[in-house]
Protein backbone atom coordinates (compact mmCIF):
# COMPACT_ATOMS: atom_id res chain seq x y z
CA MET A 1 -14.42 16.14 4.44
CA ARG A 2 -16.29 17.10 1.33
CA LYS A 3 -19.88 16.15 2.25
CA PHE A 4 -19.14 12.70 3.39
CA LYS A 5 -22.59 12.12 4.69
CA LYS A 6 -23.80 12.61 1.13
CA VAL A 7 -21.28 10.12 -0.07
CA LEU A 8 -22.60 7.46 2.37
CA ALA A 9 -26.27 8.08 1.82
CA GLY A 10 -26.17 8.97 -1.76
CA THR A 11 -23.19 7.29 -3.33
CA LEU A 12 -23.15 4.03 -1.36
CA ALA A 13 -26.91 3.66 -1.03
CA GLY A 14 -27.73 4.88 -4.61
CA ILE A 15 -24.75 4.06 -6.76
CA LEU A 16 -22.09 1.81 -5.25
CA ALA A 17 -23.56 -1.56 -6.21
CA ALA A 18 -26.89 -0.33 -5.32
CA GLY A 19 -28.47 -3.70 -5.30
CA ALA A 20 -25.76 -5.08 -3.11
CA LEU A 21 -26.70 -2.96 -0.08
CA ALA A 22 -27.55 -5.06 2.81
CA GLY A 23 -29.05 -4.36 6.33
CA CYS A 24 -28.12 -6.37 9.36
CA GLY A 25 -26.15 -8.80 7.27
CA GLU A 26 -28.92 -9.70 4.89
CA THR A 27 -29.00 -9.08 1.14
CA ASN A 28 -31.33 -6.36 -0.04
CA ASN A 29 -31.87 -6.05 -3.78
CA ASN A 30 -34.80 -3.68 -3.61
CA ASN A 31 -32.95 -0.40 -3.89
CA SER A 32 -34.88 1.85 -6.43
CA THR A 33 -31.98 3.99 -7.45
CA ALA A 34 -29.79 1.45 -9.31
CA PRO A 35 -27.73 2.99 -12.22
CA ALA A 36 -27.72 1.95 -15.72
CA THR A 37 -24.54 0.22 -16.95
CA SER A 38 -22.35 2.69 -18.61
CA THR A 39 -21.67 2.76 -22.39
CA THR A 40 -18.81 5.28 -22.01
CA ASN A 41 -17.01 6.27 -25.08
CA THR A 42 -13.30 5.69 -24.33
CA GLU A 43 -11.90 7.54 -27.41
CA SER A 44 -9.28 10.14 -26.59
CA LYS A 45 -9.70 13.83 -27.36
CA VAL A 46 -5.97 13.88 -27.87
CA ASP A 47 -4.14 11.75 -30.36
CA THR A 48 -2.43 8.98 -28.42
CA SER A 49 -1.35 6.79 -31.37
CA GLY A 50 2.28 7.48 -30.67
CA VAL A 51 2.15 6.44 -26.98
CA LYS A 52 3.94 3.17 -26.27
CA SER A 53 3.85 3.11 -22.49
CA ILE A 54 2.57 4.62 -19.40
CA TYR A 55 3.68 4.34 -15.78
CA PHE A 56 1.54 3.67 -12.74
CA LEU A 57 2.85 4.00 -9.36
CA ASN A 58 0.66 1.85 -7.17
CA PHE A 59 -0.15 2.65 -3.48
CA LYS A 60 -1.37 -0.80 -2.35
CA PRO A 61 1.28 -3.66 -2.12
CA GLU A 62 -1.36 -6.22 -1.28
CA ILE A 63 -2.86 -5.90 -4.84
CA ALA A 64 0.27 -5.30 -6.86
CA ALA A 65 0.00 -8.64 -8.61
CA LYS A 66 -3.68 -7.94 -9.53
CA TYR A 67 -2.67 -4.63 -11.18
CA GLU A 68 0.19 -6.36 -13.10
CA ALA A 69 -2.26 -8.89 -14.58
CA ILE A 70 -4.65 -5.99 -15.46
CA ALA A 71 -1.71 -4.19 -17.12
CA ALA A 72 -0.84 -7.34 -19.19
CA LYS A 73 -4.47 -7.42 -20.46
CA TYR A 74 -4.41 -3.87 -21.36
CA LYS A 75 -1.38 -4.19 -23.42
CA GLU A 76 -2.94 -7.20 -25.18
CA GLU A 77 -6.09 -5.15 -25.97
CA LYS A 78 -4.62 -1.66 -26.68
CA GLY A 79 -0.96 -2.31 -27.35
CA ILE A 80 0.14 0.14 -24.67
CA GLU A 81 2.34 -1.10 -21.90
CA VAL A 82 1.23 -0.08 -18.34
CA ARG A 83 4.47 -0.20 -16.23
CA VAL A 84 3.29 -0.97 -12.60
CA GLN A 85 5.68 -0.06 -9.93
CA THR A 86 4.60 -0.57 -6.30
CA ALA A 87 5.92 1.26 -3.22
CA ALA A 88 6.55 -0.78 0.05
CA SER A 89 3.98 -0.39 2.87
CA GLY A 90 4.32 2.98 4.52
CA GLU A 91 6.86 4.22 1.90
CA TYR A 92 4.66 5.58 -0.87
CA GLU A 93 5.43 9.36 -0.35
CA LYS A 94 9.18 8.74 -0.17
CA TYR A 95 9.08 6.51 -3.22
CA LEU A 96 6.97 8.91 -5.13
CA THR A 97 9.33 11.84 -4.42
CA SER A 98 12.16 9.60 -5.73
CA GLU A 99 10.41 8.62 -8.80
CA MET A 100 9.19 12.22 -9.68
CA GLY A 101 12.86 13.34 -9.81
CA LYS A 102 13.74 10.97 -12.45
CA GLY A 103 13.69 11.32 -16.27
CA ASN A 104 10.70 8.91 -16.65
CA PRO A 105 8.35 9.81 -13.79
CA PRO A 106 4.92 8.16 -13.05
CA THR A 107 2.08 9.25 -15.21
CA ILE A 108 -0.62 8.04 -12.87
CA PHE A 109 0.08 8.41 -9.13
CA GLN A 110 -1.93 8.65 -5.99
CA ILE A 111 -2.70 11.44 -3.46
CA ASN A 112 -4.35 11.03 -0.12
CA GLY A 113 -6.87 13.71 -0.29
CA PRO A 114 -6.62 17.48 0.25
CA VAL A 115 -3.42 17.22 2.32
CA GLY A 116 -1.74 15.09 -0.30
CA TYR A 117 -2.85 17.52 -3.00
CA GLN A 118 -1.24 20.31 -1.26
CA ASN A 119 2.11 18.46 -1.50
CA TRP A 120 1.73 17.52 -5.16
CA LYS A 121 -0.48 20.23 -6.67
CA ASP A 122 2.34 21.33 -9.04
CA TYR A 123 2.28 17.96 -10.61
CA CYS A 124 -1.57 17.26 -10.83
CA ALA A 125 -3.21 17.83 -14.09
CA ASN A 126 -6.71 19.37 -14.14
CA LEU A 127 -9.16 16.48 -14.80
CA LYS A 128 -12.35 18.56 -14.81
CA ASP A 129 -12.91 18.01 -18.59
CA SER A 130 -11.93 14.43 -18.62
CA GLU A 131 -14.04 11.32 -19.13
CA LEU A 132 -12.66 9.88 -15.84
CA TYR A 133 -14.23 12.84 -13.97
CA ASN A 134 -17.51 12.38 -15.81
CA LEU A 135 -17.68 8.80 -14.49
CA VAL A 136 -17.61 9.95 -10.89
CA SER A 137 -21.10 9.47 -9.35
CA ASP A 138 -20.87 12.15 -6.71
CA LYS A 139 -18.70 15.01 -7.83
CA SER A 140 -18.41 16.30 -4.19
CA MET A 141 -16.04 13.46 -3.50
CA VAL A 142 -13.24 14.66 -6.00
CA VAL A 143 -10.15 16.76 -4.80
CA THR A 144 -10.45 20.36 -6.04
CA GLY A 145 -8.11 23.26 -6.18
CA ASP A 146 -8.80 26.89 -5.31
CA ASP A 147 -9.16 27.39 -9.04
CA GLY A 148 -12.10 25.07 -9.20
CA GLY A 149 -10.17 22.40 -11.08
CA VAL A 150 -10.25 18.70 -10.42
CA TYR A 151 -6.98 17.19 -9.41
CA GLY A 152 -7.81 13.98 -7.60
CA ILE A 153 -10.39 11.25 -8.62
CA PRO A 154 -11.57 8.83 -5.83
CA TYR A 155 -11.66 5.36 -6.99
CA VAL A 156 -12.62 3.20 -4.08
CA VAL A 157 -14.72 3.59 -0.94
CA GLU A 158 -13.31 1.68 1.94
CA GLY A 159 -14.14 0.82 5.61
CA TYR A 160 -12.33 -0.62 8.41
CA GLY A 161 -13.07 -1.73 12.05
CA ILE A 162 -12.35 -4.95 14.00
CA ILE A 163 -12.72 -8.00 11.80
CA TYR A 164 -13.80 -11.06 13.69
CA ASN A 165 -14.03 -14.67 12.97
CA ASN A 166 -17.61 -15.60 13.78
CA ALA A 167 -16.77 -19.30 14.09
CA ILE A 168 -14.52 -18.69 16.94
CA MET A 169 -16.90 -16.26 18.54
CA THR A 170 -19.76 -18.79 18.36
CA LYS A 171 -17.41 -21.32 20.06
CA TYR A 172 -16.77 -18.84 22.78
CA PHE A 173 -20.41 -17.99 23.32
CA ALA A 174 -21.04 -21.72 24.04
CA THR A 175 -18.45 -21.81 26.80
CA GLU A 176 -19.45 -21.85 30.56
CA GLY A 177 -19.69 -18.37 31.94
CA ALA A 178 -19.37 -16.62 28.59
CA LYS A 179 -19.75 -12.78 29.08
CA ALA A 180 -22.25 -12.50 26.13
CA SER A 181 -24.44 -14.95 24.13
CA SER A 182 -23.95 -13.26 20.70
CA MET A 183 -22.11 -10.50 19.02
CA ASP A 184 -25.29 -8.34 19.15
CA GLU A 185 -24.57 -7.68 22.84
CA VAL A 186 -21.02 -6.38 22.06
CA ASN A 187 -21.90 -2.78 21.12
CA ASN A 188 -19.56 -0.74 23.44
CA PHE A 189 -16.04 -0.83 24.88
CA ALA A 190 -17.04 -2.14 28.29
CA LYS A 191 -18.77 -5.19 26.87
CA LEU A 192 -15.91 -5.84 24.36
CA LYS A 193 -13.35 -5.69 26.99
CA GLU A 194 -15.16 -8.12 29.17
CA VAL A 195 -15.58 -10.47 26.33
CA VAL A 196 -12.04 -10.26 25.16
CA GLU A 197 -10.53 -10.72 28.62
CA ASP A 198 -12.72 -13.79 29.27
CA MET A 199 -11.64 -15.13 25.83
CA THR A 200 -7.92 -14.66 26.79
CA ALA A 201 -8.49 -16.67 29.88
CA LYS A 202 -10.08 -19.34 27.75
CA LYS A 203 -7.80 -19.17 24.84
CA ALA A 204 -6.52 -22.90 25.31
CA GLU A 205 -10.12 -24.07 25.25
CA LEU A 206 -10.82 -21.99 22.15
CA GLY A 207 -7.75 -23.18 20.34
CA ILE A 208 -6.29 -19.71 19.73
CA ASP A 209 -2.96 -18.01 20.56
CA GLY A 210 -4.61 -14.78 21.52
CA VAL A 211 -7.85 -12.88 20.95
CA PHE A 212 -6.20 -10.23 18.67
CA GLY A 213 -3.66 -10.63 15.99
CA SER A 214 -0.13 -8.98 16.59
CA THR A 215 -0.19 -5.28 16.98
CA SER A 216 2.37 -4.65 14.25
CA LEU A 217 4.54 -1.84 15.29
CA LYS A 218 7.53 -2.40 12.92
CA THR A 219 8.35 0.96 11.31
CA GLY A 220 6.28 1.11 8.17
CA ASP A 221 3.71 -1.42 9.32
CA ASP A 222 2.36 0.68 12.18
CA TRP A 223 -0.25 2.58 9.92
CA ARG A 224 -3.16 0.71 11.40
CA TRP A 225 -2.43 2.50 14.85
CA GLN A 226 -0.75 5.81 13.90
CA THR A 227 -3.19 6.47 11.26
CA HIS A 228 -6.38 4.35 11.26
CA LEU A 229 -6.86 3.91 14.97
CA MET A 230 -6.02 7.62 15.53
CA ASP A 231 -9.00 8.39 13.37
CA LEU A 232 -11.30 7.69 16.34
CA PRO A 233 -10.01 10.38 18.71
CA LEU A 234 -9.68 12.80 15.80
CA TYR A 235 -13.18 12.27 14.62
CA TYR A 236 -14.69 12.72 18.13
CA GLU A 237 -12.56 15.73 18.80
CA PHE A 238 -13.22 17.59 15.61
CA SER A 239 -16.85 16.78 15.16
CA ALA A 240 -17.84 17.53 18.71
CA ASP A 241 -20.53 20.27 19.46
CA GLY A 242 -21.96 19.92 15.85
CA ASN A 243 -18.71 20.93 14.21
CA SER A 244 -17.45 19.43 10.88
CA VAL A 245 -14.76 16.89 11.01
CA SER A 246 -13.20 18.89 8.15
CA ASN A 247 -11.89 21.21 10.86
CA CYS A 248 -9.12 18.69 11.38
CA PHE A 249 -7.52 19.74 8.01
CA ASN A 250 -6.86 23.20 9.23
CA ALA A 251 -6.43 22.68 13.10
CA ALA A 252 -3.23 24.38 14.30
CA THR A 253 -3.34 22.29 17.46
CA LEU A 254 -4.48 18.97 18.62
CA ASP A 255 -5.95 18.76 22.15
CA PHE A 256 -6.06 14.89 22.06
CA LYS A 257 -9.18 15.04 24.21
CA TYR A 258 -9.91 11.42 23.58
CA ALA A 259 -6.36 10.13 24.28
CA ASP A 260 -7.62 7.91 27.14
CA ASN A 261 -10.17 6.33 24.73
CA TYR A 262 -7.41 5.53 22.35
CA LYS A 263 -5.42 3.98 25.19
CA ASN A 264 -8.47 1.89 26.10
CA ILE A 265 -8.63 0.03 22.83
CA PHE A 266 -4.84 0.02 22.17
CA ASP A 267 -4.09 -1.56 25.55
CA LEU A 268 -6.90 -4.12 24.93
CA TYR A 269 -5.12 -5.14 21.58
CA THR A 270 -1.61 -5.33 23.11
CA ASN A 271 -2.82 -7.13 26.33
CA ASN A 272 -4.71 -9.74 24.57
CA SER A 273 -2.51 -10.45 21.52
CA THR A 274 -0.90 -13.56 20.12
CA THR A 275 2.46 -11.85 20.65
CA ASP A 276 4.32 -10.60 23.64
CA LYS A 277 4.52 -6.78 23.85
CA ASN A 278 8.32 -6.80 23.72
CA LEU A 279 8.20 -8.54 20.31
CA LEU A 280 5.73 -6.18 18.59
CA GLY A 281 8.39 -3.90 17.20
CA GLY A 282 9.39 -6.69 14.72
CA LYS A 283 5.74 -7.59 13.65
CA THR A 284 4.37 -6.56 10.37
CA VAL A 285 0.74 -6.35 9.08
CA SER A 286 1.44 -9.54 6.96
CA ASP A 287 2.40 -11.29 10.24
CA SER A 288 -0.77 -10.32 11.88
CA MET A 289 -3.08 -11.13 8.90
CA ALA A 290 -1.42 -14.64 8.59
CA GLU A 291 -2.30 -15.25 12.21
CA PHE A 292 -5.88 -14.36 11.62
CA ALA A 293 -5.99 -16.29 8.38
CA ALA A 294 -4.72 -19.30 10.22
CA GLY A 295 -7.43 -19.14 12.84
CA LYS A 296 -4.72 -18.46 15.60
CA CYS A 297 -6.74 -15.33 16.76
CA ALA A 298 -10.33 -14.32 16.74
CA MET A 299 -10.11 -10.50 15.92
CA ILE A 300 -7.97 -8.16 14.06
CA GLN A 301 -8.26 -4.46 13.15
CA ASN A 302 -8.11 -3.92 9.42
CA GLY A 303 -10.12 -2.90 6.40
CA SER A 304 -12.18 -4.09 3.36
CA TRP A 305 -8.88 -4.60 1.40
CA ALA A 306 -7.72 -7.50 3.67
CA TRP A 307 -9.80 -10.34 2.37
CA ASP A 308 -7.06 -11.62 -0.05
CA ASP A 309 -4.77 -11.94 3.01
CA ILE A 310 -7.52 -13.93 4.89
CA LYS A 311 -8.45 -16.11 2.08
CA LYS A 312 -4.76 -17.29 1.57
CA GLY A 313 -4.99 -19.24 4.82
CA GLY A 314 -7.66 -21.38 3.62
CA VAL A 315 -9.01 -21.80 7.16
CA VAL A 316 -11.49 -18.93 7.71
CA LYS A 317 -14.65 -19.22 5.80
CA ALA A 318 -16.06 -16.27 3.91
CA GLU A 319 -19.36 -16.54 5.74
CA ASP A 320 -17.61 -16.19 9.13
CA VAL A 321 -15.73 -12.99 8.30
CA LYS A 322 -17.58 -10.20 10.02
CA TYR A 323 -17.07 -6.64 11.24
CA LEU A 324 -17.38 -4.83 14.53
CA PRO A 325 -16.96 -1.08 15.06
CA ILE A 326 -13.84 0.04 16.96
CA TYR A 327 -15.21 0.84 20.42
CA THR A 328 -13.17 3.01 22.72
CA GLY A 329 -15.47 3.87 25.53
CA VAL A 330 -16.97 7.13 24.05
CA GLU A 331 -20.44 8.06 25.32
CA GLY A 332 -23.11 6.90 22.96
CA GLU A 333 -20.88 4.61 20.92
CA GLU A 334 -23.70 1.99 20.84
CA LYS A 335 -24.73 3.80 17.69
CA GLN A 336 -21.30 3.92 16.17
CA GLY A 337 -20.59 2.32 12.84
CA LEU A 338 -17.51 1.51 10.86
CA CYS A 339 -14.79 3.92 9.82
CA ILE A 340 -15.76 4.60 6.09
CA GLY A 341 -14.16 6.89 3.61
CA THR A 342 -11.35 7.04 1.06
CA GLU A 343 -7.81 8.22 0.85
CA ASN A 344 -7.24 6.91 -2.51
CA TYR A 345 -7.34 9.47 -5.34
CA PHE A 346 -5.83 9.04 -8.82
CA ALA A 347 -3.85 11.96 -10.11
CA ILE A 348 -2.41 12.36 -13.65
CA ASN A 349 1.14 13.89 -13.74
CA LYS A 350 1.46 17.01 -15.91
CA GLU A 351 5.30 17.54 -15.14
CA GLY A 352 7.61 15.98 -17.61
CA VAL A 353 4.74 14.00 -19.26
CA ASP A 354 3.49 15.20 -22.68
CA GLU A 355 -0.25 15.70 -23.33
CA ALA A 356 -0.62 12.52 -25.32
CA THR A 357 0.83 10.41 -22.52
CA GLN A 358 -1.36 12.19 -20.04
CA GLN A 359 -4.44 11.32 -22.11
CA ALA A 360 -3.40 7.66 -22.63
CA SER A 361 -3.04 7.51 -18.72
CA ILE A 362 -6.59 8.76 -18.45
CA ASP A 363 -7.82 6.26 -21.05
CA PHE A 364 -6.31 3.46 -19.16
CA LEU A 365 -8.30 4.37 -16.04
CA VAL A 366 -11.46 4.83 -18.02
CA TRP A 367 -11.04 1.37 -19.55
CA LEU A 368 -10.43 -0.04 -16.07
CA PHE A 369 -13.56 1.30 -14.59
CA SER A 370 -15.86 1.00 -17.55
CA SER A 371 -14.87 -2.00 -19.88
CA ASP A 372 -16.24 -5.44 -19.17
CA TYR A 373 -12.83 -6.83 -18.42
CA GLY A 374 -11.85 -3.94 -16.27
CA LYS A 375 -15.08 -3.96 -14.19
CA ASN A 376 -14.84 -7.60 -13.65
CA ALA A 377 -11.26 -7.20 -12.36
CA VAL A 378 -12.26 -4.27 -10.20
CA ILE A 379 -15.09 -6.21 -8.50
CA ASN A 380 -13.55 -9.70 -8.33
CA ASP A 381 -9.80 -9.23 -8.29
CA LEU A 382 -9.27 -5.83 -6.61
CA GLY A 383 -12.51 -6.20 -4.61
CA PHE A 384 -13.28 -2.49 -4.79
CA VAL A 385 -16.43 -0.70 -3.92
CA THR A 386 -16.20 2.02 -6.43
CA PRO A 387 -17.67 5.50 -6.82
CA PHE A 388 -18.35 5.29 -10.62
CA THR A 389 -21.65 5.25 -12.50
CA SER A 390 -20.42 2.61 -14.92
CA PHE A 391 -21.13 -0.09 -12.31
CA GLY A 392 -24.59 -1.48 -12.52
CA GLU A 393 -26.93 -3.13 -9.94
CA ASP A 394 -25.65 -6.63 -10.68
CA GLU A 395 -21.99 -5.57 -10.58
CA LYS A 396 -21.11 -5.91 -6.79
CA PRO A 397 -18.05 -7.28 -5.03
CA SER A 398 -18.20 -10.82 -3.51
CA ASN A 399 -15.39 -9.87 -1.12
CA PRO A 400 -17.13 -10.62 2.28
CA LEU A 401 -15.57 -7.54 3.80
CA ALA A 402 -16.90 -5.31 1.11
CA VAL A 403 -20.23 -7.03 1.55
CA GLU A 404 -19.99 -6.21 5.28
CA LEU A 405 -19.00 -2.63 4.43
CA LEU A 406 -22.13 -2.10 2.31
CA ALA A 407 -24.26 -3.52 5.09
CA TRP A 408 -22.88 -1.22 7.59
CA SER A 409 -23.16 1.71 5.08
CA ASP A 410 -26.83 0.84 4.60
CA LYS A 411 -27.49 0.73 8.28
CA ALA A 412 -25.93 4.25 8.58
CA ALA A 413 -27.98 5.52 5.60
CA LYS A 414 -31.17 4.30 7.39
CA GLY A 415 -30.05 6.00 10.66
CA ASP A 416 -29.46 2.79 12.59
CA CYS A 417 -25.86 3.80 13.25
CA LYS A 418 -23.47 6.60 12.35
CA SER A 419 -20.34 5.92 10.28
CA VAL A 420 -17.08 7.41 11.52
CA GLU A 421 -15.63 9.73 8.95
CA TRP A 422 -11.99 9.63 7.93
CA ALA A 423 -10.65 12.64 9.99
CA PHE A 424 -7.07 11.11 9.86
CA LEU A 425 -6.78 12.68 6.39
CA GLY A 426 -6.29 15.82 8.13
CA ILE A 427 -3.22 14.60 9.94
CA PRO A 428 -0.59 17.32 9.17
CA SER A 429 2.22 15.17 7.78
CA GLU A 430 3.73 11.67 7.51
CA LYS A 431 6.34 12.76 9.96
CA TRP A 432 3.61 13.25 12.53
CA LYS A 433 2.41 9.69 11.95
CA SER A 434 5.87 8.24 12.11
CA ASP A 435 6.75 10.06 15.27
CA PHE A 436 3.57 8.84 16.85
CA GLY A 437 4.12 5.30 15.77
CA SER A 438 7.57 5.35 17.43
CA SER A 439 6.01 6.73 20.59
CA LEU A 440 3.45 3.94 20.67
CA LEU A 441 6.24 1.29 20.40
CA GLU A 442 8.23 2.89 23.30
CA TYR A 443 5.05 2.96 25.32
CA VAL A 444 4.33 -0.78 24.66
CA GLN A 445 7.85 -1.67 25.61
CA GLY A 446 7.70 0.25 28.88
CA GLN A 447 10.15 2.92 27.82
CA LYS A 448 7.57 5.88 27.77
CA GLU A 449 4.63 6.75 29.93
CA TRP A 450 1.29 7.36 28.26
CA THR A 451 1.26 11.07 29.33
CA ALA A 452 4.54 11.55 27.37
CA VAL A 453 3.02 9.96 24.33
CA VAL A 454 0.11 12.31 24.48
CA ASP A 455 2.15 15.33 25.00
CA GLU A 456 4.64 14.63 22.15
CA ALA A 457 1.65 14.00 19.86
CA LYS A 458 0.32 17.41 20.65
CA THR A 459 3.61 19.21 20.36
CA SER A 460 4.42 17.44 17.07
CA TRP A 461 1.00 18.36 15.69
CA ALA A 462 1.55 21.95 16.21
CA SER A 463 5.12 21.95 14.78
CA GLU A 464 4.16 19.91 11.73
CA ARG A 465 1.08 22.07 10.98
CA ASN A 466 3.19 25.16 11.22
CA ALA A 467 5.75 23.59 8.84
């Protein structure tokens, strides 16, 4: 996982909006390792005067409009069109494959770490001598090839867990017979289950339709379960006995030792949802986020990128948006933190793209992460926590989920908890994820036993790894 502990303790604590790091939800501006604001020279080493346009294939549908606004500003300033195309949720690899086969392929695209690099290494330009690489605060974070070249540049550090509406939780704690008096007591699965089931019994009194938003199991919208939730059993299996979670990247087999723990939290979600289990196959992430944004549920599993969806509802106040780790019943989870990492790496296409256009594409990214306009857009519009030295102490995101991410990261850096690394980056293929998501839907609808879900996940892992 490329020295992830160093990323947390070094990059987040020392560079990622250093002054913004907070412990226990309080602001802490006393970090002594704040970086100086970059005065990066963005002049190209290659003549780009003849380049009229570049093509950015965006991975994140939820911020497509933000990128389009950024592209318009770049054309206004630099005279180069940035054509932004966005793949549908869960369809990026398929869309990228299609676009790479055309006569005008993407010049900037994204890979999801070392596994993604293996799929696209013939297209990835070596960025080791680029200005973009020089901006990266912790060089151990980049994706490298066997030749020592740099082929993927991380651009955002993200975290996910159970997002909760503290206003609803405060209302619950005031009810007669509440199973806890504050969220401080909810630090393991047993207590979470007790609280959630009591809230379900009191949902009319609390004015909610369910404790959790809909468990979106529509094809393409099931990534929170077949990828993000799956991270917990992968993390615990592959980091057991002092091993490195990076073992997941090469594991020929999956034992799925923590399948019952996965089932614990997945059942809790679906049994205490706003939506009947038989209807979950038609639910999208947007549906579930709209439920949370409207105050129809108290909790939802998602990440630091979800604030815009919550803000749209105009109901949930920023100060009430908080994070809880995803507890599954693993021994010692009282010290577990959020799932923190990145699967977002920029790559520059070298196939069918001339050198000047490659350089112009790099120049755009350098501008985005070092110019005054670009940095403001990254912080306030995209809401990114970034791994670049160009961001100073006072340049921090106001996104409450990013603030919460930094707070939990600071707690991890101090040893108060341990963040969960992104082991899901080692899942062998998109097909494995798709198959697992389909099995989950069949299980929820009563068409498949849990033992069959587990067995098929193990069999699929082995076959996909071999492939």
